[in-house]
Amino acid sequence: MSVQPWGEPGSGYPPGKLPAGGWQPAPAPAAASQAGMRAGHADRDRTLDVLKAAFAEGRLTVQEYEQRHEAVAAAQTYGQLAVLVADLPSGPMTAPPPTVATPVPATFMPVPPPPQARQTNVLAVVSLVAGLFGLSAPAVITGHIARAEIRRRNMDGDWAAVLGLVIGYLGCAFWTLMILIGIA
């Protein structure tokens, strides 16, 4: 894009009409039929909106903004207005997508729900009580059933089922040994 000083041939303004020292890009290629058409107040307002946005975004200095603002008031054709904003974006620029996802601060993370209390398996408790009272066979049977239910339903009480099984098997071993000693 070639840059021309204000008032030089090709800028659309006669020399001496605009402040010296301002720089403006060469006119953007526009249809010849529209460049010569006369501009109205609404066209100048739209051009001023683009200049205001560019100034607010830091694309123009105060001096450049003032020079172009005066030039908009003096512009009579679409071509003269187009020259003033040819080097500026006419709409919002989209931000490039982030390449790396930023982690969400802990402040904005959802609060995890409190852990749910698991239900204790009744057969595990029955196995433990039966083992403590010396009922070995019922302790072993209910202990195995309880451990299967605990795994299947994600329940609590595995410790009671295991303890009932250990006591039940020890009781079964004790009574088997007593029977064998009694027979001999």
C-alpha atoms as a PDB file:
ATOM      1  CA  MET A   1       0.000   0.000   0.000  1.00  0.00           C
ATOM      2  CA  SER A   2       1.610   3.256  -1.051  1.00  0.00           C
ATOM      3  CA  VAL A   3       1.470   6.204   1.311  1.00  0.00           C
ATOM      4  CA  GLN A   4       1.023   9.765   0.059  1.00  0.00           C
ATOM      5  CA  PRO A   5       1.309  13.039   1.991  1.00  0.00           C
ATOM      6  CA  TRP A   6      -1.799  15.176   2.321  1.00  0.00           C
ATOM      7  CA  GLY A   7      -2.412  17.523  -0.599  1.00  0.00           C
ATOM      8  CA  GLU A   8      -0.245  15.709  -3.153  1.00  0.00           C
ATOM      9  CA  PRO A   9      -1.654  14.630  -6.509  1.00  0.00           C
ATOM     10  CA  GLY A  10      -3.896  11.607  -6.234  1.00  0.00           C
ATOM     11  CA  SER A  11      -5.176  12.374  -2.738  1.00  0.00           C
ATOM     12  CA  GLY A  12      -8.314  14.139  -3.950  1.00  0.00           C
ATOM     13  CA  TYR A  13      -7.535  17.370  -2.063  1.00  0.00           C
ATOM     14  CA  PRO A  14      -5.950  20.541  -3.436  1.00  0.00           C
ATOM     15  CA  PRO A  15      -2.521  21.451  -1.977  1.00  0.00           C
ATOM     16  CA  GLY A  16      -2.659  23.796   1.001  1.00  0.00           C
ATOM     17  CA  LYS A  17      -6.239  22.934   1.978  1.00  0.00           C
ATOM     18  CA  LEU A  18      -5.224  20.446   4.706  1.00  0.00           C
ATOM     19  CA  PRO A  19      -2.594  20.727   7.460  1.00  0.00           C
ATOM     20  CA  ALA A  20       0.908  19.866   6.301  1.00  0.00           C
ATOM     21  CA  GLY A  21       2.671  16.829   7.704  1.00  0.00           C
ATOM     22  CA  GLY A  22      -0.292  14.462   7.760  1.00  0.00           C
ATOM     23  CA  TRP A  23       0.049  11.181   5.887  1.00  0.00           C
ATOM     24  CA  GLN A  24      -2.674   9.176   4.295  1.00  0.00           C
ATOM     25  CA  PRO A  25      -2.636   5.993   2.200  1.00  0.00           C
ATOM     26  CA  ALA A  26      -3.447   6.079  -1.476  1.00  0.00           C
ATOM     27  CA  PRO A  27      -7.136   5.602  -2.252  1.00  0.00           C
ATOM     28  CA  ALA A  28      -8.362   2.038  -2.128  1.00  0.00           C
ATOM     29  CA  PRO A  29      -9.491   0.675  -5.479  1.00  0.00           C
ATOM     30  CA  ALA A  30     -13.171   1.528  -5.721  1.00  0.00           C
ATOM     31  CA  ALA A  31     -15.590   1.444  -8.567  1.00  0.00           C
ATOM     32  CA  ALA A  32     -15.019   4.570 -10.670  1.00  0.00           C
ATOM     33  CA  SER A  33     -18.740   5.235 -10.773  1.00  0.00           C
ATOM     34  CA  GLN A  34     -18.986   5.472  -6.956  1.00  0.00           C
ATOM     35  CA  ALA A  35     -15.738   7.354  -6.231  1.00  0.00           C
ATOM     36  CA  GLY A  36     -17.058  10.460  -7.951  1.00  0.00           C
ATOM     37  CA  MET A  37     -20.541  10.338  -6.407  1.00  0.00           C
ATOM     38  CA  ARG A  38     -21.357  13.094  -3.967  1.00  0.00           C
ATOM     39  CA  ALA A  39     -21.393  12.117  -0.278  1.00  0.00           C
ATOM     40  CA  GLY A  40     -24.159  13.043   2.136  1.00  0.00           C
ATOM     41  CA  HIS A  41     -24.266  13.755   5.863  1.00  0.00           C
ATOM     42  CA  ALA A  42     -25.013  10.109   6.690  1.00  0.00           C
ATOM     43  CA  ASP A  43     -21.938   9.017   4.686  1.00  0.00           C
ATOM     44  CA  ARG A  44     -19.761  11.477   6.606  1.00  0.00           C
ATOM     45  CA  ASP A  45     -21.240  10.241   9.898  1.00  0.00           C
ATOM     46  CA  ARG A  46     -20.383   6.627   9.022  1.00  0.00           C
ATOM     47  CA  THR A  47     -16.836   7.666   8.150  1.00  0.00           C
ATOM     48  CA  LEU A  48     -16.554   9.543  11.458  1.00  0.00           C
ATOM     49  CA  ASP A  49     -17.725   6.415  13.290  1.00  0.00           C
ATOM     50  CA  VAL A  50     -14.883   4.420  11.723  1.00  0.00           C
ATOM     51  CA  LEU A  51     -12.403   7.153  12.695  1.00  0.00           C
ATOM     52  CA  LYS A  52     -13.725   7.286  16.270  1.00  0.00           C
ATOM     53  CA  ALA A  53     -13.421   3.529  16.628  1.00  0.00           C
ATOM     54  CA  ALA A  54      -9.888   3.567  15.225  1.00  0.00           C
ATOM     55  CA  PHE A  55      -8.922   6.362  17.636  1.00  0.00           C
ATOM     56  CA  ALA A  56     -10.453   4.496  20.594  1.00  0.00           C
ATOM     57  CA  GLU A  57      -8.545   1.344  19.625  1.00  0.00           C
ATOM     58  CA  GLY A  58      -5.266   3.270  19.462  1.00  0.00           C
ATOM     59  CA  ARG A  59      -4.855   3.039  15.690  1.00  0.00           C
ATOM     60  CA  LEU A  60      -4.746   6.838  15.291  1.00  0.00           C
ATOM     61  CA  THR A  61      -2.936   9.541  17.240  1.00  0.00           C
ATOM     62  CA  VAL A  62      -4.772  12.664  18.346  1.00  0.00           C
ATOM     63  CA  GLN A  63      -3.184  14.681  15.529  1.00  0.00           C
ATOM     64  CA  GLU A  64      -4.119  12.089  12.876  1.00  0.00           C
ATOM     65  CA  TYR A  65      -7.662  11.894  14.215  1.00  0.00           C
ATOM     66  CA  GLU A  66      -8.079  15.682  14.140  1.00  0.00           C
ATOM     67  CA  GLN A  67      -6.667  15.937  10.589  1.00  0.00           C
ATOM     68  CA  ARG A  68      -8.951  13.222   9.288  1.00  0.00           C
ATOM     69  CA  HIS A  69     -11.958  14.646  11.183  1.00  0.00           C
ATOM     70  CA  GLU A  70     -11.475  18.007   9.428  1.00  0.00           C
ATOM     71  CA  ALA A  71     -10.994  16.248   6.106  1.00  0.00           C
ATOM     72  CA  VAL A  72     -14.300  14.370   6.569  1.00  0.00           C
ATOM     73  CA  ALA A  73     -16.122  17.678   7.015  1.00  0.00           C
ATOM     74  CA  ALA A  74     -14.569  18.990   3.788  1.00  0.00           C
ATOM     75  CA  ALA A  75     -15.060  15.784   1.759  1.00  0.00           C
ATOM     76  CA  GLN A  76     -17.601  16.012  -1.048  1.00  0.00           C
ATOM     77  CA  THR A  77     -17.386  12.588  -2.716  1.00  0.00           C
ATOM     78  CA  TYR A  78     -17.313   8.920  -1.768  1.00  0.00           C
ATOM     79  CA  GLY A  79     -13.765   8.694  -3.100  1.00  0.00           C
ATOM     80  CA  GLN A  80     -12.545  11.409  -0.725  1.00  0.00           C
ATOM     81  CA  LEU A  81     -14.191   9.641   2.236  1.00  0.00           C
ATOM     82  CA  ALA A  82     -12.759   6.259   1.204  1.00  0.00           C
ATOM     83  CA  VAL A  83      -9.236   7.715   1.161  1.00  0.00           C
ATOM     84  CA  LEU A  84      -9.602   8.770   4.810  1.00  0.00           C
ATOM     85  CA  VAL A  85     -10.414   5.271   6.094  1.00  0.00           C
ATOM     86  CA  ALA A  86      -8.647   3.074   3.531  1.00  0.00           C
ATOM     87  CA  ASP A  87      -5.932   2.015   6.014  1.00  0.00           C
ATOM     88  CA  LEU A  88      -8.379   1.306   8.874  1.00  0.00           C
ATOM     89  CA  PRO A  89     -10.547  -1.738   9.526  1.00  0.00           C
ATOM     90  CA  SER A  90     -14.210  -0.948   9.017  1.00  0.00           C
ATOM     91  CA  GLY A  91     -15.515  -3.461  11.524  1.00  0.00           C
ATOM     92  CA  PRO A  92     -14.514  -5.306  14.660  1.00  0.00           C
ATOM     93  CA  MET A  93     -11.516  -7.576  14.371  1.00  0.00           C
ATOM     94  CA  THR A  94     -12.014 -11.093  15.612  1.00  0.00           C
ATOM     95  CA  ALA A  95      -9.464 -12.403  18.057  1.00  0.00           C
ATOM     96  CA  PRO A  96      -7.598 -15.530  16.988  1.00  0.00           C
ATOM     97  CA  PRO A  97      -8.680 -18.655  18.841  1.00  0.00           C
ATOM     98  CA  PRO A  98      -6.451 -19.469  21.817  1.00  0.00           C
ATOM     99  CA  THR A  99      -3.871 -22.110  21.027  1.00  0.00           C
ATOM    100  CA  VAL A 100      -3.673 -23.413  24.585  1.00  0.00           C
ATOM    101  CA  ALA A 101      -6.714 -23.740  26.783  1.00  0.00           C
ATOM    102  CA  THR A 102      -6.308 -21.691  29.908  1.00  0.00           C
ATOM    103  CA  PRO A 103      -7.214 -23.472  33.131  1.00  0.00           C
ATOM    104  CA  VAL A 104     -10.299 -22.292  34.944  1.00  0.00           C
ATOM    105  CA  PRO A 105      -9.430 -20.547  38.220  1.00  0.00           C
ATOM    106  CA  ALA A 106     -10.435 -22.505  41.291  1.00  0.00           C
ATOM    107  CA  THR A 107     -12.754 -19.658  42.246  1.00  0.00           C
ATOM    108  CA  PHE A 108     -15.006 -20.403  39.275  1.00  0.00           C
ATOM    109  CA  MET A 109     -14.902 -24.183  39.484  1.00  0.00           C
ATOM    110  CA  PRO A 110     -18.195 -25.770  40.512  1.00  0.00           C
ATOM    111  CA  VAL A 111     -18.267 -27.004  44.087  1.00  0.00           C
ATOM    112  CA  PRO A 112     -18.120 -30.797  44.106  1.00  0.00           C
ATOM    113  CA  PRO A 113     -21.092 -32.438  45.787  1.00  0.00           C
ATOM    114  CA  PRO A 114     -20.420 -33.971  49.206  1.00  0.00           C
ATOM    115  CA  PRO A 115     -19.728 -37.692  49.068  1.00  0.00           C
ATOM    116  CA  GLN A 116     -22.854 -39.778  49.445  1.00  0.00           C
ATOM    117  CA  ALA A 117     -22.936 -42.063  52.466  1.00  0.00           C
ATOM    118  CA  ARG A 118     -23.153 -45.624  51.233  1.00  0.00           C
ATOM    119  CA  GLN A 119     -25.679 -47.951  52.761  1.00  0.00           C
ATOM    120  CA  THR A 120     -24.300 -50.771  54.918  1.00  0.00           C
ATOM    121  CA  ASN A 121     -25.214 -54.260  53.761  1.00  0.00           C
ATOM    122  CA  VAL A 122     -27.458 -55.991  56.300  1.00  0.00           C
ATOM    123  CA  LEU A 123     -26.208 -59.487  55.456  1.00  0.00           C
ATOM    124  CA  ALA A 124     -22.639 -58.397  56.274  1.00  0.00           C
ATOM    125  CA  VAL A 125     -23.763 -57.422  59.765  1.00  0.00           C
ATOM    126  CA  VAL A 126     -25.730 -60.709  60.089  1.00  0.00           C
ATOM    127  CA  SER A 127     -22.589 -62.629  59.081  1.00  0.00           C
ATOM    128  CA  LEU A 128     -20.510 -60.866  61.741  1.00  0.00           C
ATOM    129  CA  VAL A 129     -23.133 -61.385  64.488  1.00  0.00           C
ATOM    130  CA  ALA A 130     -23.620 -65.038  63.533  1.00  0.00           C
ATOM    131  CA  GLY A 131     -19.859 -65.608  63.669  1.00  0.00           C
ATOM    132  CA  LEU A 132     -19.588 -63.948  67.084  1.00  0.00           C
ATOM    133  CA  PHE A 133     -22.406 -66.142  68.463  1.00  0.00           C
ATOM    134  CA  GLY A 134     -20.755 -69.303  67.182  1.00  0.00           C
ATOM    135  CA  LEU A 135     -23.117 -70.003  64.290  1.00  0.00           C
ATOM    136  CA  SER A 136     -20.308 -70.780  61.852  1.00  0.00           C
ATOM    137  CA  ALA A 137     -22.188 -72.161  58.821  1.00  0.00           C
ATOM    138  CA  PRO A 138     -24.718 -69.270  58.671  1.00  0.00           C
ATOM    139  CA  ALA A 139     -21.826 -66.787  59.145  1.00  0.00           C
ATOM    140  CA  VAL A 140     -19.960 -68.221  56.116  1.00  0.00           C
ATOM    141  CA  ILE A 141     -23.055 -68.400  53.912  1.00  0.00           C
ATOM    142  CA  THR A 142     -24.308 -64.882  54.688  1.00  0.00           C
ATOM    143  CA  GLY A 143     -20.740 -63.517  54.450  1.00  0.00           C
ATOM    144  CA  HIS A 144     -20.319 -64.740  50.839  1.00  0.00           C
ATOM    145  CA  ILE A 145     -23.773 -63.492  49.820  1.00  0.00           C
ATOM    146  CA  ALA A 146     -23.069 -60.111  51.458  1.00  0.00           C
ATOM    147  CA  ARG A 147     -19.723 -59.654  49.646  1.00  0.00           C
ATOM    148  CA  ALA A 148     -21.387 -60.367  46.271  1.00  0.00           C
ATOM    149  CA  GLU A 149     -24.135 -57.801  46.991  1.00  0.00           C
ATOM    150  CA  ILE A 150     -21.603 -55.236  48.189  1.00  0.00           C
ATOM    151  CA  ARG A 151     -19.656 -55.475  44.918  1.00  0.00           C
ATOM    152  CA  ARG A 152     -22.789 -55.442  42.763  1.00  0.00           C
ATOM    153  CA  ARG A 153     -24.564 -52.522  44.500  1.00  0.00           C
ATOM    154  CA  ASN A 154     -21.502 -50.506  45.647  1.00  0.00           C
ATOM    155  CA  MET A 155     -22.468 -50.784  49.308  1.00  0.00           C
ATOM    156  CA  ASP A 156     -20.537 -50.439  52.550  1.00  0.00           C
ATOM    157  CA  GLY A 157     -19.880 -53.170  55.117  1.00  0.00           C
ATOM    158  CA  ASP A 158     -17.256 -55.299  53.385  1.00  0.00           C
ATOM    159  CA  TRP A 159     -15.200 -55.294  56.585  1.00  0.00           C
ATOM    160  CA  ALA A 160     -18.080 -56.864  58.520  1.00  0.00           C
ATOM    161  CA  ALA A 161     -18.627 -59.530  55.865  1.00  0.00           C
ATOM    162  CA  VAL A 162     -14.914 -60.425  55.786  1.00  0.00           C
ATOM    163  CA  LEU A 163     -14.717 -60.535  59.588  1.00  0.00           C
ATOM    164  CA  GLY A 164     -17.864 -62.722  59.689  1.00  0.00           C
ATOM    165  CA  LEU A 165     -16.289 -65.045  57.098  1.00  0.00           C
ATOM    166  CA  VAL A 166     -13.012 -65.342  59.037  1.00  0.00           C
ATOM    167  CA  ILE A 167     -14.791 -66.045  62.326  1.00  0.00           C
ATOM    168  CA  GLY A 168     -17.185 -68.436  60.550  1.00  0.00           C
ATOM    169  CA  TYR A 169     -14.366 -70.419  58.877  1.00  0.00           C
ATOM    170  CA  LEU A 170     -12.418 -70.550  62.146  1.00  0.00           C
ATOM    171  CA  GLY A 171     -15.565 -71.815  63.891  1.00  0.00           C
ATOM    172  CA  CYS A 172     -16.123 -74.416  61.180  1.00  0.00           C
ATOM    173  CA  ALA A 173     -12.497 -75.550  61.509  1.00  0.00           C
ATOM    174  CA  PHE A 174     -12.842 -75.695  65.314  1.00  0.00           C
ATOM    175  CA  TRP A 175     -16.048 -77.789  65.222  1.00  0.00           C
ATOM    176  CA  THR A 176     -14.634 -80.061  62.525  1.00  0.00           C
ATOM    177  CA  LEU A 177     -11.564 -80.627  64.654  1.00  0.00           C
ATOM    178  CA  MET A 178     -13.748 -81.334  67.739  1.00  0.00           C
ATOM    179  CA  ILE A 179     -15.802 -83.860  65.809  1.00  0.00           C
ATOM    180  CA  LEU A 180     -12.651 -85.588  64.528  1.00  0.00           C
ATOM    181  CA  ILE A 181     -11.177 -85.704  68.038  1.00  0.00           C
ATOM    182  CA  GLY A 182     -14.470 -87.074  69.414  1.00  0.00           C
ATOM    183  CA  ILE A 183     -14.576 -89.833  66.837  1.00  0.00           C
ATOM    184  CA  ALA A 184     -10.974 -90.874  67.440  1.00  0.00           C
END
